[in-house]
């Protein structure tokens, strides 16, 4: 089975940093996290028509806009296996 692709769109703000940390904390070993800074990756914003950050896309579908709660992330299937972690790829992220 191929890994789930979780894309997080950020703007170097505290809410964005909290979102990245929460997704990393909850994600299982069957996912790949990609973090995009909107200032450095503007073409990614156009692809999803993102108007606010943080925003999260899962497997190519924009699912959340704004800082998510643990419950919201779990509702989208993130956090089914709390004992393992994702492979994180930081693309254009300054943290």
PDB file of N, CA and C in Angstrom:
ATOM      1  N   UNK A   1       0.848  -1.181   0.000  1.00  0.00           N
ATOM      2  CA  UNK A   1       0.000   0.000   0.000  1.00  0.00           C
ATOM      3  C   UNK A   1       0.890   1.239   0.000  1.00  0.00           C
ATOM      4  N   UNK A   2       0.551   2.203  -0.848  1.00  0.00           N
ATOM      5  CA  UNK A   2       1.338   3.423  -0.908  1.00  0.00           C
ATOM      6  C   UNK A   2       0.993   4.319   0.273  1.00  0.00           C
ATOM      7  N   UNK A   3       1.974   5.131   0.708  1.00  0.00           N
ATOM      8  CA  UNK A   3       1.720   6.000   1.865  1.00  0.00           C
ATOM      9  C   UNK A   3       0.712   7.094   1.540  1.00  0.00           C
ATOM     10  N   UNK A   4      -0.022   7.507   2.572  1.00  0.00           N
ATOM     11  CA  UNK A   4      -0.924   8.659   2.432  1.00  0.00           C
ATOM     12  C   UNK A   4      -0.056   9.900   2.335  1.00  0.00           C
ATOM     13  N   UNK A   5      -0.434  10.804   1.483  1.00  0.00           N
ATOM     14  CA  UNK A   5       0.309  12.045   1.303  1.00  0.00           C
ATOM     15  C   UNK A   5      -0.421  13.164   2.030  1.00  0.00           C
ATOM     16  N   UNK A   6       0.248  13.741   3.015  1.00  0.00           N
ATOM     17  CA  UNK A   6      -0.308  14.851   3.781  1.00  0.00           C
ATOM     18  C   UNK A   6       0.517  16.084   3.444  1.00  0.00           C
ATOM     19  N   UNK A   7      -0.146  17.086   2.877  1.00  0.00           N
ATOM     20  CA  UNK A   7       0.524  18.335   2.538  1.00  0.00           C
ATOM     21  C   UNK A   7       0.019  19.424   3.487  1.00  0.00           C
ATOM     22  N   UNK A   8       0.968  20.116   4.115  1.00  0.00           N
ATOM     23  CA  UNK A   8       0.627  21.203   5.030  1.00  0.00           C
ATOM     24  C   UNK A   8       1.157  22.497   4.427  1.00  0.00           C
ATOM     25  N   UNK A   9       0.279  23.480   4.283  1.00  0.00           N
ATOM     26  CA  UNK A   9       0.649  24.769   3.716  1.00  0.00           C
ATOM     27  C   UNK A   9       0.755  25.769   4.854  1.00  0.00           C
ATOM     28  N   UNK A  10       1.910  26.422   4.945  1.00  0.00           N
ATOM     29  CA  UNK A  10       2.201  27.285   6.084  1.00  0.00           C
ATOM     30  C   UNK A  10       2.663  28.666   5.635  1.00  0.00           C
ATOM     31  N   UNK A  11       2.734  29.558   6.622  1.00  0.00           N
ATOM     32  CA  UNK A  11       3.203  30.910   6.356  1.00  0.00           C
ATOM     33  C   UNK A  11       4.153  31.404   7.426  1.00  0.00           C
ATOM     34  N   UNK A  12       4.908  30.490   8.050  1.00  0.00           N
ATOM     35  CA  UNK A  12       5.864  30.851   9.107  1.00  0.00           C
ATOM     36  C   UNK A  12       5.204  31.606  10.256  1.00  0.00           C
ATOM     37  N   UNK A  13       4.043  31.131  10.689  1.00  0.00           N
ATOM     38  CA  UNK A  13       3.359  31.745  11.820  1.00  0.00           C
ATOM     39  C   UNK A  13       3.217  30.707  12.942  1.00  0.00           C
ATOM     40  N   UNK A  14       2.951  31.149  14.162  1.00  0.00           N
ATOM     41  CA  UNK A  14       2.804  30.206  15.278  1.00  0.00           C
ATOM     42  C   UNK A  14       1.697  29.172  15.062  1.00  0.00           C
ATOM     43  N   UNK A  15       0.579  29.568  14.473  1.00  0.00           N
ATOM     44  CA  UNK A  15      -0.499  28.611  14.219  1.00  0.00           C
ATOM     45  C   UNK A  15      -0.042  27.532  13.242  1.00  0.00           C
ATOM     46  N   UNK A  16       0.720  27.942  12.246  1.00  0.00           N
ATOM     47  CA  UNK A  16       1.236  26.986  11.262  1.00  0.00           C
ATOM     48  C   UNK A  16       2.215  26.014  11.912  1.00  0.00           C
ATOM     49  N   UNK A  17       3.105  26.536  12.740  1.00  0.00           N
ATOM     50  CA  UNK A  17       4.078  25.679  13.424  1.00  0.00           C
ATOM     51  C   UNK A  17       3.367  24.679  14.333  1.00  0.00           C
ATOM     52  N   UNK A  18       2.341  25.127  15.042  1.00  0.00           N
ATOM     53  CA  UNK A  18       1.560  24.223  15.901  1.00  0.00           C
ATOM     54  C   UNK A  18       0.884  23.137  15.072  1.00  0.00           C
ATOM     55  N   UNK A  19       0.391  23.510  13.902  1.00  0.00           N
ATOM     56  CA  UNK A  19      -0.271  22.545  13.021  1.00  0.00           C
ATOM     57  C   UNK A  19       0.701  21.477  12.554  1.00  0.00           C
ATOM     58  N   UNK A  20       1.889  21.886  12.128  1.00  0.00           N
ATOM     59  CA  UNK A  20       2.908  20.928  11.680  1.00  0.00           C
ATOM     60  C   UNK A  20       3.252  19.962  12.819  1.00  0.00           C
ATOM     61  N   UNK A  21       3.456  20.489  14.005  1.00  0.00           N
ATOM     62  CA  UNK A  21       3.801  19.642  15.155  1.00  0.00           C
ATOM     63  C   UNK A  21       2.691  18.654  15.483  1.00  0.00           C
ATOM     64  N   UNK A  22       1.445  19.099  15.440  1.00  0.00           N
ATOM     65  CA  UNK A  22       0.323  18.224  15.762  1.00  0.00           C
ATOM     66  C   UNK A  22       0.184  17.105  14.726  1.00  0.00           C
ATOM     67  N   UNK A  23       0.310  17.442  13.454  1.00  0.00           N
ATOM     68  CA  UNK A  23       0.224  16.415  12.415  1.00  0.00           C
ATOM     69  C   UNK A  23       1.354  15.399  12.591  1.00  0.00           C
ATOM     70  N   UNK A  24       2.565  15.877  12.838  1.00  0.00           N
ATOM     71  CA  UNK A  24       3.690  14.967  13.050  1.00  0.00           C
ATOM     72  C   UNK A  24       3.451  14.054  14.251  1.00  0.00           C
ATOM     73  N   UNK A  25       2.901  14.620  15.297  1.00  0.00           N
ATOM     74  CA  UNK A  25       2.634  13.869  16.518  1.00  0.00           C
ATOM     75  C   UNK A  25       1.603  12.751  16.287  1.00  0.00           C
ATOM     76  N   UNK A  26       0.600  13.042  15.481  1.00  0.00           N
ATOM     77  CA  UNK A  26      -0.493  12.099  15.279  1.00  0.00           C
ATOM     78  C   UNK A  26      -0.262  11.102  14.143  1.00  0.00           C
ATOM     79  N   UNK A  27       0.521  11.477  13.160  1.00  0.00           N
ATOM     80  CA  UNK A  27       0.637  10.680  11.939  1.00  0.00           C
ATOM     81  C   UNK A  27       1.247   9.306  12.198  1.00  0.00           C
ATOM     82  N   UNK A  28       0.783   8.328  11.406  1.00  0.00           N
ATOM     83  CA  UNK A  28       1.302   6.973  11.536  1.00  0.00           C
ATOM     84  C   UNK A  28       2.400   6.705  10.510  1.00  0.00           C
ATOM     85  N   UNK A  29       2.886   5.468  10.485  1.00  0.00           N
ATOM     86  CA  UNK A  29       4.018   5.151   9.617  1.00  0.00           C
ATOM     87  C   UNK A  29       3.615   4.930   8.167  1.00  0.00           C
ATOM     88  N   UNK A  30       2.360   5.062   7.834  1.00  0.00           N
ATOM     89  CA  UNK A  30       1.912   4.903   6.465  1.00  0.00           C
ATOM     90  C   UNK A  30       1.546   6.263   5.861  1.00  0.00           C
ATOM     91  N   UNK A  31       2.376   7.262   6.157  1.00  0.00           N
ATOM     92  CA  UNK A  31       2.122   8.577   5.582  1.00  0.00           C
ATOM     93  C   UNK A  31       3.420   9.298   5.301  1.00  0.00           C
ATOM     94  N   UNK A  32       3.302  10.267   4.433  1.00  0.00           N
ATOM     95  CA  UNK A  32       4.412  11.137   4.075  1.00  0.00           C
ATOM     96  C   UNK A  32       3.922  12.561   4.256  1.00  0.00           C
ATOM     97  N   UNK A  33       4.627  13.331   5.066  1.00  0.00           N
ATOM     98  CA  UNK A  33       4.236  14.721   5.312  1.00  0.00           C
ATOM     99  C   UNK A  33       5.122  15.633   4.480  1.00  0.00           C
ATOM    100  N   UNK A  34       4.493  16.539   3.746  1.00  0.00           N
ATOM    101  CA  UNK A  34       5.217  17.558   3.015  1.00  0.00           C
ATOM    102  C   UNK A  34       4.726  18.912   3.511  1.00  0.00           C
ATOM    103  N   UNK A  35       5.672  19.768   3.866  1.00  0.00           N
ATOM    104  CA  UNK A  35       5.331  21.091   4.378  1.00  0.00           C
ATOM    105  C   UNK A  35       5.785  22.125   3.352  1.00  0.00           C
ATOM    106  N   UNK A  36       4.849  22.968   2.935  1.00  0.00           N
ATOM    107  CA  UNK A  36       5.147  24.008   1.955  1.00  0.00           C
ATOM    108  C   UNK A  36       4.955  25.381   2.581  1.00  0.00           C
ATOM    109  N   UNK A  37       5.947  26.235   2.402  1.00  0.00           N
ATOM    110  CA  UNK A  37       5.843  27.626   2.812  1.00  0.00           C
ATOM    111  C   UNK A  37       5.218  28.389   1.650  1.00  0.00           C
ATOM    112  N   UNK A  38       4.105  29.047   1.877  1.00  0.00           N
ATOM    113  CA  UNK A  38       3.380  29.699   0.786  1.00  0.00           C
ATOM    114  C   UNK A  38       4.183  30.807   0.114  1.00  0.00           C
ATOM    115  N   UNK A  39       5.114  31.396   0.845  1.00  0.00           N
ATOM    116  CA  UNK A  39       5.927  32.454   0.261  1.00  0.00           C
ATOM    117  C   UNK A  39       6.973  31.888  -0.694  1.00  0.00           C
ATOM    118  N   UNK A  40       7.374  30.643  -0.466  1.00  0.00           N
ATOM    119  CA  UNK A  40       8.406  30.023  -1.288  1.00  0.00           C
ATOM    120  C   UNK A  40       7.842  29.059  -2.325  1.00  0.00           C
ATOM    121  N   UNK A  41       6.591  28.653  -2.180  1.00  0.00           N
ATOM    122  CA  UNK A  41       5.949  27.695  -3.085  1.00  0.00           C
ATOM    123  C   UNK A  41       4.575  28.209  -3.537  1.00  0.00           C
ATOM    124  N   UNK A  42       4.499  29.401  -4.135  1.00  0.00           N
ATOM    125  CA  UNK A  42       3.180  29.962  -4.489  1.00  0.00           C
ATOM    126  C   UNK A  42       2.399  29.129  -5.503  1.00  0.00           C
ATOM    127  N   UNK A  43       3.065  28.385  -6.338  1.00  0.00           N
ATOM    128  CA  UNK A  43       2.349  27.578  -7.334  1.00  0.00           C
ATOM    129  C   UNK A  43       1.512  26.486  -6.678  1.00  0.00           C
ATOM    130  N   UNK A  44       1.952  25.987  -5.521  1.00  0.00           N
ATOM    131  CA  UNK A  44       1.182  24.969  -4.799  1.00  0.00           C
ATOM    132  C   UNK A  44      -0.141  25.545  -4.307  1.00  0.00           C
ATOM    133  N   UNK A  45      -0.160  26.823  -3.947  1.00  0.00           N
ATOM    134  CA  UNK A  45      -1.391  27.475  -3.488  1.00  0.00           C
ATOM    135  C   UNK A  45      -2.424  27.512  -4.594  1.00  0.00           C
ATOM    136  N   UNK A  46      -1.979  27.818  -5.792  1.00  0.00           N
ATOM    137  CA  UNK A  46      -2.887  27.906  -6.929  1.00  0.00           C
ATOM    138  C   UNK A  46      -3.492  26.545  -7.240  1.00  0.00           C
ATOM    139  N   UNK A  47      -2.709  25.500  -7.097  1.00  0.00           N
ATOM    140  CA  UNK A  47      -3.193  24.147  -7.385  1.00  0.00           C
ATOM    141  C   UNK A  47      -4.422  23.809  -6.538  1.00  0.00           C
ATOM    142  N   UNK A  48      -4.400  24.197  -5.258  1.00  0.00           N
ATOM    143  CA  UNK A  48      -5.504  23.901  -4.347  1.00  0.00           C
ATOM    144  C   UNK A  48      -6.422  25.095  -4.099  1.00  0.00           C
ATOM    145  N   UNK A  49      -6.144  26.230  -4.717  1.00  0.00           N
ATOM    146  CA  UNK A  49      -6.910  27.469  -4.501  1.00  0.00           C
ATOM    147  C   UNK A  49      -6.942  27.844  -3.015  1.00  0.00           C
ATOM    148  N   UNK A  50      -5.797  27.757  -2.364  1.00  0.00           N
ATOM    149  CA  UNK A  50      -5.687  28.053  -0.931  1.00  0.00           C
ATOM    150  C   UNK A  50      -5.698  29.558  -0.722  1.00  0.00           C
ATOM    151  N   UNK A  51      -6.530  29.987   0.215  1.00  0.00           N
ATOM    152  CA  UNK A  51      -6.672  31.410   0.519  1.00  0.00           C
ATOM    153  C   UNK A  51      -6.211  31.749   1.935  1.00  0.00           C
ATOM    154  N   UNK A  52      -5.962  30.731   2.773  1.00  0.00           N
ATOM    155  CA  UNK A  52      -5.551  30.964   4.155  1.00  0.00           C
ATOM    156  C   UNK A  52      -4.653  29.815   4.621  1.00  0.00           C
ATOM    157  N   UNK A  53      -3.811  30.115   5.580  1.00  0.00           N
ATOM    158  CA  UNK A  53      -2.937  29.104   6.180  1.00  0.00           C
ATOM    159  C   UNK A  53      -3.122  29.108   7.681  1.00  0.00           C
ATOM    160  N   UNK A  54      -2.858  28.004   8.336  1.00  0.00           N
ATOM    161  CA  UNK A  54      -2.450  26.729   7.757  1.00  0.00           C
ATOM    162  C   UNK A  54      -3.609  26.055   7.023  1.00  0.00           C
ATOM    163  N   UNK A  55      -3.257  25.262   6.028  1.00  0.00           N
ATOM    164  CA  UNK A  55      -4.212  24.436   5.296  1.00  0.00           C
ATOM    165  C   UNK A  55      -3.604  23.055   5.121  1.00  0.00           C
ATOM    166  N   UNK A  56      -4.457  22.037   5.044  1.00  0.00           N
ATOM    167  CA  UNK A  56      -3.983  20.657   4.934  1.00  0.00           C
ATOM    168  C   UNK A  56      -4.709  19.958   3.794  1.00  0.00           C
ATOM    169  N   UNK A  57      -3.923  19.303   2.941  1.00  0.00           N
ATOM    170  CA  UNK A  57      -4.470  18.450   1.889  1.00  0.00           C
ATOM    171  C   UNK A  57      -4.037  17.015   2.191  1.00  0.00           C
ATOM    172  N   UNK A  58      -4.944  16.083   1.974  1.00  0.00           N
ATOM    173  CA  UNK A  58      -4.640  14.668   2.162  1.00  0.00           C
ATOM    174  C   UNK A  58      -4.930  13.959   0.854  1.00  0.00           C
ATOM    175  N   UNK A  59      -3.919  13.265   0.349  1.00  0.00           N
ATOM    176  CA  UNK A  59      -4.038  12.518  -0.909  1.00  0.00           C
ATOM    177  C   UNK A  59      -4.625  13.369  -2.029  1.00  0.00           C
ATOM    178  N   UNK A  60      -4.153  14.622  -2.129  1.00  0.00           N
ATOM    179  CA  UNK A  60      -4.541  15.479  -3.229  1.00  0.00           C
ATOM    180  C   UNK A  60      -5.837  16.240  -3.064  1.00  0.00           C
ATOM    181  N   UNK A  61      -6.468  16.159  -1.891  1.00  0.00           N
ATOM    182  CA  UNK A  61      -7.722  16.867  -1.638  1.00  0.00           C
ATOM    183  C   UNK A  61      -7.556  17.805  -0.449  1.00  0.00           C
ATOM    184  N   UNK A  62      -7.881  19.075  -0.639  1.00  0.00           N
ATOM    185  CA  UNK A  62      -7.828  20.032   0.450  1.00  0.00           C
ATOM    186  C   UNK A  62      -8.926  19.683   1.451  1.00  0.00           C
ATOM    187  N   UNK A  63      -8.541  19.408   2.713  1.00  0.00           N
ATOM    188  CA  UNK A  63      -9.521  18.956   3.698  1.00  0.00           C
ATOM    189  C   UNK A  63      -9.707  19.912   4.870  1.00  0.00           C
ATOM    190  N   UNK A  64      -8.709  20.703   5.199  1.00  0.00           N
ATOM    191  CA  UNK A  64      -8.819  21.599   6.355  1.00  0.00           C
ATOM    192  C   UNK A  64      -8.165  22.937   6.067  1.00  0.00           C
ATOM    193  N   UNK A  65      -8.823  24.000   6.501  1.00  0.00           N
ATOM    194  CA  UNK A  65      -8.267  25.347   6.419  1.00  0.00           C
ATOM    195  C   UNK A  65      -8.311  25.928   7.817  1.00  0.00           C
ATOM    196  N   UNK A  66      -7.194  26.478   8.260  1.00  0.00           N
ATOM    197  CA  UNK A  66      -7.088  26.989   9.620  1.00  0.00           C
ATOM    198  C   UNK A  66      -6.445  25.957  10.526  1.00  0.00           C
ATOM    199  N   UNK A  67      -6.139  26.368  11.733  1.00  0.00           N
ATOM    200  CA  UNK A  67      -5.484  25.463  12.673  1.00  0.00           C
ATOM    201  C   UNK A  67      -6.456  24.341  13.069  1.00  0.00           C
ATOM    202  N   UNK A  68      -6.082  23.086  12.788  1.00  0.00           N
ATOM    203  CA  UNK A  68      -6.986  21.978  13.097  1.00  0.00           C
ATOM    204  C   UNK A  68      -6.873  21.538  14.548  1.00  0.00           C
ATOM    205  N   UNK A  69      -7.914  20.905  15.031  1.00  0.00           N
ATOM    206  CA  UNK A  69      -7.866  20.283  16.351  1.00  0.00           C
ATOM    207  C   UNK A  69      -7.437  18.828  16.174  1.00  0.00           C
ATOM    208  N   UNK A  70      -7.050  18.215  17.254  1.00  0.00           N
ATOM    209  CA  UNK A  70      -6.708  16.790  17.250  1.00  0.00           C
ATOM    210  C   UNK A  70      -7.900  15.977  16.723  1.00  0.00           C
ATOM    211  N   UNK A  71      -9.103  16.323  17.162  1.00  0.00           N
ATOM    212  CA  UNK A  71     -10.315  15.615  16.750  1.00  0.00           C
ATOM    213  C   UNK A  71     -10.537  15.727  15.244  1.00  0.00           C
ATOM    214  N   UNK A  72     -10.319  16.899  14.680  1.00  0.00           N
ATOM    215  CA  UNK A  72     -10.488  17.075  13.241  1.00  0.00           C
ATOM    216  C   UNK A  72      -9.498  16.210  12.462  1.00  0.00           C
ATOM    217  N   UNK A  73      -8.240  16.200  12.896  1.00  0.00           N
ATOM    218  CA  UNK A  73      -7.232  15.394  12.214  1.00  0.00           C
ATOM    219  C   UNK A  73      -7.566  13.909  12.313  1.00  0.00           C
ATOM    220  N   UNK A  74      -7.999  13.474  13.475  1.00  0.00           N
ATOM    221  CA  UNK A  74      -8.369  12.069  13.656  1.00  0.00           C
ATOM    222  C   UNK A  74      -9.563  11.699  12.784  1.00  0.00           C
ATOM    223  N   UNK A  75     -10.491  12.642  12.582  1.00  0.00           N
ATOM    224  CA  UNK A  75     -11.653  12.388  11.737  1.00  0.00           C
ATOM    225  C   UNK A  75     -11.243  12.128  10.283  1.00  0.00           C
ATOM    226  N   UNK A  76     -10.106  12.661   9.874  1.00  0.00           N
ATOM    227  CA  UNK A  76      -9.584  12.422   8.532  1.00  0.00           C
ATOM    228  C   UNK A  76      -8.607  11.249   8.499  1.00  0.00           C
ATOM    229  N   UNK A  77      -8.537  10.492   9.586  1.00  0.00           N
ATOM    230  CA  UNK A  77      -7.722   9.289   9.615  1.00  0.00           C
ATOM    231  C   UNK A  77      -6.282   9.493  10.003  1.00  0.00           C
ATOM    232  N   UNK A  78      -5.925  10.675  10.466  1.00  0.00           N
ATOM    233  CA  UNK A  78      -4.564  10.914  10.939  1.00  0.00           C
ATOM    234  C   UNK A  78      -4.537  10.586  12.425  1.00  0.00           C
ATOM    235  N   UNK A  79      -3.650   9.716  12.806  1.00  0.00           N
ATOM    236  CA  UNK A  79      -3.541   9.360  14.213  1.00  0.00           C
ATOM    237  C   UNK A  79      -4.117   8.008  14.545  1.00  0.00           C
ATOM    238  N   UNK A  80      -4.244   7.151  13.576  1.00  0.00           N
ATOM    239  CA  UNK A  80      -4.774   5.822  13.841  1.00  0.00           C
ATOM    240  C   UNK A  80      -3.768   4.931  14.553  1.00  0.00           C
ATOM    241  N   UNK A  81      -2.494   5.274  14.459  1.00  0.00           N
ATOM    242  CA  UNK A  81      -1.440   4.499  15.096  1.00  0.00           C
ATOM    243  C   UNK A  81      -0.480   5.462  15.774  1.00  0.00           C
ATOM    244  N   UNK A  82      -0.740   5.815  17.018  1.00  0.00           N
ATOM    245  CA  UNK A  82       0.041   6.829  17.721  1.00  0.00           C
ATOM    246  C   UNK A  82       1.455   6.405  18.062  1.00  0.00           C
ATOM    247  N   UNK A  83       1.813   5.141  17.920  1.00  0.00           N
ATOM    248  CA  UNK A  83       3.134   4.671  18.317  1.00  0.00           C
ATOM    249  C   UNK A  83       4.183   4.824  17.226  1.00  0.00           C
ATOM    250  N   UNK A  84       3.793   5.223  16.047  1.00  0.00           N
ATOM    251  CA  UNK A  84       4.759   5.372  14.969  1.00  0.00           C
ATOM    252  C   UNK A  84       4.687   6.771  14.379  1.00  0.00           C
ATOM    253  N   UNK A  85       5.642   7.074  13.563  1.00  0.00           N
ATOM    254  CA  UNK A  85       5.744   8.419  13.012  1.00  0.00           C
ATOM    255  C   UNK A  85       5.839   8.390  11.501  1.00  0.00           C
ATOM    256  N   UNK A  86       5.576   9.531  10.893  1.00  0.00           N
ATOM    257  CA  UNK A  86       5.685   9.674   9.441  1.00  0.00           C
ATOM    258  C   UNK A  86       7.097  10.053   9.041  1.00  0.00           C
ATOM    259  N   UNK A  87       7.347   9.895   7.769  1.00  0.00           N
ATOM    260  CA  UNK A  87       8.544  10.465   7.171  1.00  0.00           C
ATOM    261  C   UNK A  87       8.207  11.904   6.847  1.00  0.00           C
ATOM    262  N   UNK A  88       8.958  12.828   7.408  1.00  0.00           N
ATOM    263  CA  UNK A  88       8.658  14.245   7.167  1.00  0.00           C
ATOM    264  C   UNK A  88       9.615  14.809   6.142  1.00  0.00           C
ATOM    265  N   UNK A  89       9.066  15.500   5.176  1.00  0.00           N
ATOM    266  CA  UNK A  89       9.859  16.157   4.162  1.00  0.00           C
ATOM    267  C   UNK A  89       9.520  17.635   4.227  1.00  0.00           C
ATOM    268  N   UNK A  90      10.494  18.463   4.541  1.00  0.00           N
ATOM    269  CA  UNK A  90      10.248  19.894   4.638  1.00  0.00           C
ATOM    270  C   UNK A  90      10.674  20.550   3.349  1.00  0.00           C
ATOM    271  N   UNK A  91       9.709  21.001   2.591  1.00  0.00           N
ATOM    272  CA  UNK A  91       9.970  21.631   1.315  1.00  0.00           C
ATOM    273  C   UNK A  91       9.671  23.127   1.451  1.00  0.00           C
ATOM    274  N   UNK A  92      10.698  23.921   1.446  1.00  0.00           N
ATOM    275  CA  UNK A  92      10.502  25.354   1.556  1.00  0.00           C
ATOM    276  C   UNK A  92      10.079  25.799   2.931  1.00  0.00           C
ATOM    277  N   UNK A  93      10.403  25.032   3.965  1.00  0.00           N
ATOM    278  CA  UNK A  93       9.968  25.354   5.327  1.00  0.00           C
ATOM    279  C   UNK A  93      11.161  25.810   6.144  1.00  0.00           C
ATOM    280  N   UNK A  94      11.021  26.916   6.838  1.00  0.00           N
ATOM    281  CA  UNK A  94      12.124  27.473   7.595  1.00  0.00           C
ATOM    282  C   UNK A  94      12.125  27.122   9.072  1.00  0.00           C
ATOM    283  N   UNK A  95      11.637  25.929   9.442  1.00  0.00           N
ATOM    284  CA  UNK A  95      11.656  25.565  10.865  1.00  0.00           C
ATOM    285  C   UNK A  95      12.570  24.394  11.101  1.00  0.00           C
TER     286      UNK A  95
END
